[in-house]
PDB file of N, CA and C in Angstrom:
ATOM      1  N   VAL A   1       7.983   2.143   3.238  1.00  0.00           N
ATOM      2  CA  VAL A   1       7.004   2.490   4.223  1.00  0.00           C
ATOM      3  C   VAL A   1       7.593   2.480   5.635  1.00  0.00           C
ATOM      4  N   ALA A   2       8.341   1.384   5.883  1.00  0.00           N
ATOM      5  CA  ALA A   2       8.955   1.229   7.233  1.00  0.00           C
ATOM      6  C   ALA A   2       9.882   2.409   7.487  1.00  0.00           C
ATOM      7  N   LYS A   3      10.710   2.757   6.549  1.00  0.00           N
ATOM      8  CA  LYS A   3      11.627   3.870   6.714  1.00  0.00           C
ATOM      9  C   LYS A   3      10.870   5.194   6.894  1.00  0.00           C
ATOM     10  N   ASP A   4       9.854   5.419   6.090  1.00  0.00           N
ATOM     11  CA  ASP A   4       9.093   6.674   6.151  1.00  0.00           C
ATOM     12  C   ASP A   4       8.411   6.825   7.528  1.00  0.00           C
ATOM     13  N   LEU A   5       7.980   5.714   8.128  1.00  0.00           N
ATOM     14  CA  LEU A   5       7.316   5.774   9.409  1.00  0.00           C
ATOM     15  C   LEU A   5       8.274   5.717  10.579  1.00  0.00           C
ATOM     16  N   GLY A   6       9.560   5.501  10.282  1.00  0.00           N
ATOM     17  CA  GLY A   6      10.578   5.415  11.338  1.00  0.00           C
ATOM     18  C   GLY A   6      10.442   4.146  12.129  1.00  0.00           C
ATOM     19  N   LEU A   7      10.035   3.069  11.519  1.00  0.00           N
ATOM     20  CA  LEU A   7       9.845   1.786  12.241  1.00  0.00           C
ATOM     21  C   LEU A   7      10.820   0.738  11.659  1.00  0.00           C
ATOM     22  N   GLN A   8      11.178  -0.173  12.520  1.00  0.00           N
ATOM     23  CA  GLN A   8      11.948  -1.351  12.079  1.00  0.00           C
ATOM     24  C   GLN A   8      10.971  -2.394  11.583  1.00  0.00           C
ATOM     25  N   LEU A   9      11.463  -3.322  10.755  1.00  0.00           N
ATOM     26  CA  LEU A   9      10.551  -4.341  10.140  1.00  0.00           C
ATOM     27  C   LEU A   9       9.781  -5.148  11.196  1.00  0.00           C
ATOM     28  N   PRO A  10      10.397  -5.601  12.269  1.00  0.00           N
ATOM     29  CA  PRO A  10       9.565  -6.343  13.249  1.00  0.00           C
ATOM     30  C   PRO A  10       8.383  -5.516  13.824  1.00  0.00           C
ATOM     31  N   ALA A  11       8.599  -4.209  13.905  1.00  0.00           N
ATOM     32  CA  ALA A  11       7.536  -3.337  14.462  1.00  0.00           C
ATOM     33  C   ALA A  11       6.357  -3.264  13.521  1.00  0.00           C
ATOM     34  N   LEU A  12       6.543  -3.415  12.204  1.00  0.00           N
ATOM     35  CA  LEU A  12       5.445  -3.368  11.245  1.00  0.00           C
ATOM     36  C   LEU A  12       4.482  -4.514  11.544  1.00  0.00           C
ATOM     37  N   ARG A  13       5.057  -5.696  11.793  1.00  0.00           N
ATOM     38  CA  ARG A  13       4.142  -6.835  12.085  1.00  0.00           C
ATOM     39  C   ARG A  13       3.504  -6.723  13.446  1.00  0.00           C
ATOM     40  N   GLU A  14       4.207  -6.250  14.416  1.00  0.00           N
ATOM     41  CA  GLU A  14       3.664  -6.050  15.754  1.00  0.00           C
ATOM     42  C   GLU A  14       2.546  -5.073  15.825  1.00  0.00           C
ATOM     43  N   ARG A  15       2.655  -4.017  15.017  1.00  0.00           N
ATOM     44  CA  ARG A  15       1.655  -2.917  14.987  1.00  0.00           C
ATOM     45  C   ARG A  15       0.472  -3.226  14.038  1.00  0.00           C
ATOM     46  N   GLY A  16       0.549  -4.337  13.311  1.00  0.00           N
ATOM     47  CA  GLY A  16      -0.574  -4.694  12.420  1.00  0.00           C
ATOM     48  C   GLY A  16      -0.734  -3.734  11.248  1.00  0.00           C
ATOM     49  N   LEU A  17       0.432  -3.268  10.735  1.00  0.00           N
ATOM     50  CA  LEU A  17       0.368  -2.347   9.589  1.00  0.00           C
ATOM     51  C   LEU A  17      -0.259  -3.019   8.358  1.00  0.00           C
ATOM     52  N   ARG A  18      -1.176  -2.279   7.708  1.00  0.00           N
ATOM     53  CA  ARG A  18      -1.778  -2.851   6.494  1.00  0.00           C
ATOM     54  C   ARG A  18      -2.069  -1.747   5.486  1.00  0.00           C
ATOM     55  N   ILE A  19      -2.200  -2.140   4.220  1.00  0.00           N
ATOM     56  CA  ILE A  19      -2.486  -1.248   3.136  1.00  0.00           C
ATOM     57  C   ILE A  19      -3.926  -1.477   2.736  1.00  0.00           C
ATOM     58  N   VAL A  20      -4.699  -0.409   2.565  1.00  0.00           N
ATOM     59  CA  VAL A  20      -6.136  -0.537   2.238  1.00  0.00           C
ATOM     60  C   VAL A  20      -6.393   0.266   0.997  1.00  0.00           C
ATOM     61  N   ASP A  21      -6.939  -0.352  -0.005  1.00  0.00           N
ATOM     62  CA  ASP A  21      -7.360   0.330  -1.258  1.00  0.00           C
ATOM     63  C   ASP A  21      -8.853   0.551  -1.161  1.00  0.00           C
ATOM     64  N   ARG A  22      -9.349   1.571  -1.908  1.00  0.00           N
ATOM     65  CA  ARG A  22     -10.757   1.940  -1.797  1.00  0.00           C
ATOM     66  C   ARG A  22     -11.657   0.969  -2.581  1.00  0.00           C
ATOM     67  N   GLY A  23     -11.137   0.353  -3.635  1.00  0.00           N
ATOM     68  CA  GLY A  23     -12.000  -0.491  -4.460  1.00  0.00           C
ATOM     69  C   GLY A  23     -11.967  -1.940  -4.019  1.00  0.00           C
ATOM     70  N   ARG A  24     -12.510  -2.796  -4.856  1.00  0.00           N
ATOM     71  CA  ARG A  24     -12.536  -4.205  -4.539  1.00  0.00           C
ATOM     72  C   ARG A  24     -11.189  -4.878  -4.727  1.00  0.00           C
ATOM     73  N   THR A  25     -10.346  -4.341  -5.634  1.00  0.00           N
ATOM     74  CA  THR A  25      -9.099  -4.911  -5.906  1.00  0.00           C
ATOM     75  C   THR A  25      -7.996  -4.323  -5.063  1.00  0.00           C
ATOM     76  N   GLN A  26      -7.197  -5.210  -4.472  1.00  0.00           N
ATOM     77  CA  GLN A  26      -6.048  -4.753  -3.662  1.00  0.00           C
ATOM     78  C   GLN A  26      -4.830  -4.647  -4.602  1.00  0.00           C
ATOM     79  N   TYR A  27      -4.498  -3.401  -4.955  1.00  0.00           N
ATOM     80  CA  TYR A  27      -3.393  -3.175  -5.895  1.00  0.00           C
ATOM     81  C   TYR A  27      -2.036  -3.140  -5.241  1.00  0.00           C
ATOM     82  N   PHE A  28      -1.977  -2.842  -3.942  1.00  0.00           N
ATOM     83  CA  PHE A  28      -0.710  -2.663  -3.274  1.00  0.00           C
ATOM     84  C   PHE A  28      -0.625  -3.484  -2.028  1.00  0.00           C
ATOM     85  N   VAL A  29       0.581  -4.005  -1.696  1.00  0.00           N
ATOM     86  CA  VAL A  29       0.824  -4.727  -0.475  1.00  0.00           C
ATOM     87  C   VAL A  29       2.135  -4.288   0.116  1.00  0.00           C
ATOM     88  N   LEU A  30       2.358  -4.597   1.328  1.00  0.00           N
ATOM     89  CA  LEU A  30       3.632  -4.307   2.023  1.00  0.00           C
ATOM     90  C   LEU A  30       4.513  -5.570   1.916  1.00  0.00           C
ATOM     91  N   HIS A  31       5.665  -5.443   1.395  1.00  0.00           N
ATOM     92  CA  HIS A  31       6.625  -6.596   1.273  1.00  0.00           C
ATOM     93  C   HIS A  31       7.148  -6.897   2.699  1.00  0.00           C
ATOM     94  N   GLY A  32       6.898  -8.087   3.131  1.00  0.00           N
ATOM     95  CA  GLY A  32       7.259  -8.450   4.542  1.00  0.00           C
ATOM     96  C   GLY A  32       8.721  -8.418   4.858  1.00  0.00           C
ATOM     97  N   GLN A  33       9.581  -8.723   3.877  1.00  0.00           N
ATOM     98  CA  GLN A  33      11.042  -8.815   4.119  1.00  0.00           C
ATOM     99  C   GLN A  33      11.708  -7.439   4.039  1.00  0.00           C
ATOM    100  N   THR A  34      11.157  -6.521   3.243  1.00  0.00           N
ATOM    101  CA  THR A  34      11.848  -5.239   3.002  1.00  0.00           C
ATOM    102  C   THR A  34      11.116  -4.043   3.609  1.00  0.00           C
ATOM    103  N   GLY A  35       9.762  -4.178   3.815  1.00  0.00           N
ATOM    104  CA  GLY A  35       8.997  -3.018   4.271  1.00  0.00           C
ATOM    105  C   GLY A  35       8.629  -2.082   3.094  1.00  0.00           C
ATOM    106  N   HIS A  36       8.869  -2.503   1.851  1.00  0.00           N
ATOM    107  CA  HIS A  36       8.550  -1.645   0.691  1.00  0.00           C
ATOM    108  C   HIS A  36       7.089  -1.814   0.298  1.00  0.00           C
ATOM    109  N   LEU A  37       6.533  -0.778  -0.239  1.00  0.00           N
ATOM    110  CA  LEU A  37       5.200  -0.830  -0.809  1.00  0.00           C
ATOM    111  C   LEU A  37       5.371  -1.324  -2.259  1.00  0.00           C
ATOM    112  N   VAL A  38       4.699  -2.425  -2.610  1.00  0.00           N
ATOM    113  CA  VAL A  38       4.862  -3.027  -3.944  1.00  0.00           C
ATOM    114  C   VAL A  38       3.485  -3.330  -4.537  1.00  0.00           C
ATOM    115  N   THR A  39       3.422  -3.489  -5.858  1.00  0.00           N
ATOM    116  CA  THR A  39       2.171  -3.815  -6.483  1.00  0.00           C
ATOM    117  C   THR A  39       1.824  -5.276  -6.247  1.00  0.00           C
ATOM    118  N   ALA A  40       0.555  -5.513  -5.972  1.00  0.00           N
ATOM    119  CA  ALA A  40       0.085  -6.881  -5.643  1.00  0.00           C
ATOM    120  C   ALA A  40      -0.262  -7.581  -6.929  1.00  0.00           C
ATOM    121  N   GLU A  41      -0.604  -6.873  -7.947  1.00  0.00           N
ATOM    122  CA  GLU A  41      -0.961  -7.515  -9.240  1.00  0.00           C
ATOM    123  C   GLU A  41      -0.778  -6.453 -10.366  1.00  0.00           C
ATOM    124  N   ARG A  42      -0.954  -6.907 -11.534  1.00  0.00           N
ATOM    125  CA  ARG A  42      -0.809  -6.035 -12.721  1.00  0.00           C
ATOM    126  C   ARG A  42      -1.866  -4.892 -12.657  1.00  0.00           C
ATOM    127  N   ILE A  43      -1.421  -3.692 -12.946  1.00  0.00           N
ATOM    128  CA  ILE A  43      -2.358  -2.503 -12.975  1.00  0.00           C
ATOM    129  C   ILE A  43      -2.559  -2.113 -14.413  1.00  0.00           C
ATOM    130  N   ASP A  44      -3.755  -2.232 -14.906  1.00  0.00           N
ATOM    131  CA  ASP A  44      -4.115  -1.848 -16.259  1.00  0.00           C
ATOM    132  C   ASP A  44      -4.688  -0.435 -16.289  1.00  0.00           C
ATOM    133  N   ARG A  45      -3.827   0.512 -16.626  1.00  0.00           N
ATOM    134  CA  ARG A  45      -4.233   1.911 -16.628  1.00  0.00           C
ATOM    135  C   ARG A  45      -5.390   2.188 -17.556  1.00  0.00           C
ATOM    136  N   GLU A  46      -5.415   1.595 -18.722  1.00  0.00           N
ATOM    137  CA  GLU A  46      -6.471   1.883 -19.713  1.00  0.00           C
ATOM    138  C   GLU A  46      -7.819   1.375 -19.189  1.00  0.00           C
ATOM    139  N   GLN A  47      -7.831   0.284 -18.392  1.00  0.00           N
ATOM    140  CA  GLN A  47      -9.041  -0.173 -17.845  1.00  0.00           C
ATOM    141  C   GLN A  47      -9.501   0.676 -16.662  1.00  0.00           C
ATOM    142  N   LEU A  48      -8.558   1.098 -15.821  1.00  0.00           N
ATOM    143  CA  LEU A  48      -8.921   1.886 -14.623  1.00  0.00           C
ATOM    144  C   LEU A  48      -9.345   3.314 -14.909  1.00  0.00           C
ATOM    145  N   CYS A  49      -8.632   3.930 -15.854  1.00  0.00           N
ATOM    146  CA  CYS A  49      -8.833   5.376 -16.097  1.00  0.00           C
ATOM    147  C   CYS A  49      -8.971   5.613 -17.586  1.00  0.00           C
ATOM    148  N   PRO A  50     -10.025   5.104 -18.245  1.00  0.00           N
ATOM    149  CA  PRO A  50     -10.114   5.324 -19.714  1.00  0.00           C
ATOM    150  C   PRO A  50     -10.412   6.787 -19.982  1.00  0.00           C
ATOM    151  N   LEU A  51      -9.807   7.297 -20.991  1.00  0.00           N
ATOM    152  CA  LEU A  51      -9.997   8.678 -21.454  1.00  0.00           C
ATOM    153  C   LEU A  51      -9.645   9.735 -20.440  1.00  0.00           C
ATOM    154  N   VAL A  52      -8.799   9.422 -19.473  1.00  0.00           N
ATOM    155  CA  VAL A  52      -8.323  10.380 -18.477  1.00  0.00           C
ATOM    156  C   VAL A  52      -6.835  10.494 -18.604  1.00  0.00           C
ATOM    157  N   GLU A  53      -6.291  11.690 -18.685  1.00  0.00           N
ATOM    158  CA  GLU A  53      -4.885  11.881 -18.855  1.00  0.00           C
ATOM    159  C   GLU A  53      -4.086  11.468 -17.595  1.00  0.00           C
ATOM    160  N   LYS A  54      -4.602  11.839 -16.458  1.00  0.00           N
ATOM    161  CA  LYS A  54      -3.904  11.588 -15.189  1.00  0.00           C
ATOM    162  C   LYS A  54      -4.688  10.501 -14.406  1.00  0.00           C
ATOM    163  N   CYS A  55      -4.026   9.410 -14.119  1.00  0.00           N
ATOM    164  CA  CYS A  55      -4.662   8.296 -13.395  1.00  0.00           C
ATOM    165  C   CYS A  55      -4.021   8.166 -11.996  1.00  0.00           C
ATOM    166  N   VAL A  56      -4.881   8.239 -10.976  1.00  0.00           N
ATOM    167  CA  VAL A  56      -4.412   8.194  -9.618  1.00  0.00           C
ATOM    168  C   VAL A  56      -5.063   7.034  -8.914  1.00  0.00           C
ATOM    169  N   LEU A  57      -4.273   6.230  -8.221  1.00  0.00           N
ATOM    170  CA  LEU A  57      -4.770   5.178  -7.354  1.00  0.00           C
ATOM    171  C   LEU A  57      -4.480   5.559  -5.945  1.00  0.00           C
ATOM    172  N   ARG A  58      -5.463   5.584  -5.100  1.00  0.00           N
ATOM    173  CA  ARG A  58      -5.297   5.975  -3.712  1.00  0.00           C
ATOM    174  C   ARG A  58      -5.383   4.737  -2.823  1.00  0.00           C
ATOM    175  N   CYS A  59      -4.515   4.785  -1.794  1.00  0.00           N
ATOM    176  CA  CYS A  59      -4.574   3.710  -0.780  1.00  0.00           C
ATOM    177  C   CYS A  59      -4.207   4.377   0.533  1.00  0.00           C
ATOM    178  N   GLU A  60      -4.533   3.666   1.614  1.00  0.00           N
ATOM    179  CA  GLU A  60      -4.233   4.142   2.920  1.00  0.00           C
ATOM    180  C   GLU A  60      -3.311   3.172   3.675  1.00  0.00           C
ATOM    181  N   VAL A  61      -2.400   3.715   4.456  1.00  0.00           N
ATOM    182  CA  VAL A  61      -1.594   2.894   5.309  1.00  0.00           C
ATOM    183  C   VAL A  61      -2.135   3.000   6.731  1.00  0.00           C
ATOM    184  N   ILE A  62      -2.549   1.877   7.288  1.00  0.00           N
ATOM    185  CA  ILE A  62      -3.126   1.897   8.594  1.00  0.00           C
ATOM    186  C   ILE A  62      -2.193   1.173   9.556  1.00  0.00           C
ATOM    187  N   VAL A  63      -1.889   1.867  10.673  1.00  0.00           N
ATOM    188  CA  VAL A  63      -1.008   1.334  11.716  1.00  0.00           C
ATOM    189  C   VAL A  63      -1.844   1.316  13.001  1.00  0.00           C
ATOM    190  N   GLU A  64      -1.905   0.119  13.580  1.00  0.00           N
ATOM    191  CA  GLU A  64      -2.652  -0.025  14.820  1.00  0.00           C
ATOM    192  C   GLU A  64      -1.743   0.350  15.987  1.00  0.00           C
ATOM    193  N   GLY A  65      -2.259   0.887  17.028  1.00  0.00           N
ATOM    194  CA  GLY A  65      -1.464   1.279  18.192  1.00  0.00           C
ATOM    195  C   GLY A  65      -0.912   2.671  18.045  1.00  0.00           C
ATOM    196  N   GLU A  66      -0.294   3.171  19.092  1.00  0.00           N
ATOM    197  CA  GLU A  66       0.226   4.523  19.116  1.00  0.00           C
ATOM    198  C   GLU A  66       1.522   4.629  18.363  1.00  0.00           C
ATOM    199  N   MET A  67       1.779   5.770  17.765  1.00  0.00           N
ATOM    200  CA  MET A  67       3.021   6.028  17.018  1.00  0.00           C
ATOM    201  C   MET A  67       3.880   6.892  17.911  1.00  0.00           C
TER     202      MET A  67
END
């Protein structure tokens, strides 16, 4: 995420970058040391998308301040 936004790791903390999921469960987080988007917990596809061939989890990356 840091690389895609063209930011250095310290800038991620300064700008208050956060990952927001639509549901109650936070499936993704930003790794503080690397700036990578990682899973926050186990994702059970069969529970989230039963009987659906294509399962999509959406999240938003929010950056405070000007880019």
